[in-house]
Amino acid sequence: MKKVLGLVILVGMVGVIEAADLYVPSQYGTISAAINAAATGDTVLGG
C-alpha cells in the first residue's frame, strides 16, 4: 500500500511542473544558449 501511495504522489507532482519563458538577451546571451537550456514546453522569446 505504501508503494502505491508513493507512486500516486510522484505522478501527481509531475503535473505541477510548468513551462517556462526563456528571454534573449536578458536571461540568455544568444538564442542558441536559450534553446540549449530549454525543456519540453518552454518558449524562447527574443526582443
Protein backbone atom coordinates (compact mmCIF):
# COMPACT_ATOMS: atom_id res chain seq x y z
CA MET A 1 0.00 0.00 0.00
CA LYS A 2 2.81 2.44 0.82
CA LYS A 3 4.45 1.85 -2.58
CA VAL A 4 1.20 2.61 -4.40
CA LEU A 5 0.64 5.79 -2.40
CA GLY A 6 4.19 6.96 -3.10
CA LEU A 7 3.72 6.37 -6.82
CA VAL A 8 0.44 8.31 -6.84
CA ILE A 9 2.08 11.25 -5.09
CA LEU A 10 5.04 11.20 -7.51
CA VAL A 11 2.80 11.08 -10.58
CA GLY A 12 0.69 13.91 -9.17
CA MET A 13 3.76 16.11 -8.69
CA VAL A 14 4.71 15.79 -12.36
CA GLY A 15 1.61 17.78 -13.30
CA VAL A 16 2.81 20.71 -11.18
CA ILE A 17 5.78 21.39 -13.45
CA GLU A 18 5.06 24.36 -15.71
CA ALA A 19 6.61 25.54 -18.94
CA ALA A 20 8.98 28.50 -18.74
CA ASP A 21 9.62 31.52 -20.93
CA LEU A 22 13.33 31.99 -21.70
CA TYR A 23 14.20 35.56 -22.63
CA VAL A 24 17.00 36.55 -25.03
CA PRO A 25 19.13 38.59 -24.37
CA SER A 26 18.10 39.42 -20.78
CA GLN A 27 18.37 35.83 -19.46
CA TYR A 28 20.47 34.21 -22.20
CA GLY A 29 23.05 35.91 -24.39
CA THR A 30 22.07 34.07 -27.57
CA ILE A 31 19.11 32.21 -29.00
CA SER A 32 21.27 29.09 -29.19
CA ALA A 33 22.01 29.28 -25.47
CA ALA A 34 18.32 29.63 -24.67
CA ILE A 35 17.38 26.71 -26.92
CA ASN A 36 20.06 24.54 -25.32
CA ALA A 37 18.67 25.38 -21.86
CA ALA A 38 15.02 24.87 -22.86
CA ALA A 39 12.95 21.88 -21.79
CA THR A 40 9.86 20.47 -23.48
CA GLY A 41 7.10 23.06 -23.44
CA ASP A 42 9.37 26.05 -22.84
CA THR A 43 9.22 29.12 -25.09
CA VAL A 44 12.25 31.10 -26.26
CA LEU A 45 11.45 34.80 -26.66
CA GLY A 46 13.70 37.46 -28.17
CA GLY A 47 13.34 41.14 -28.32
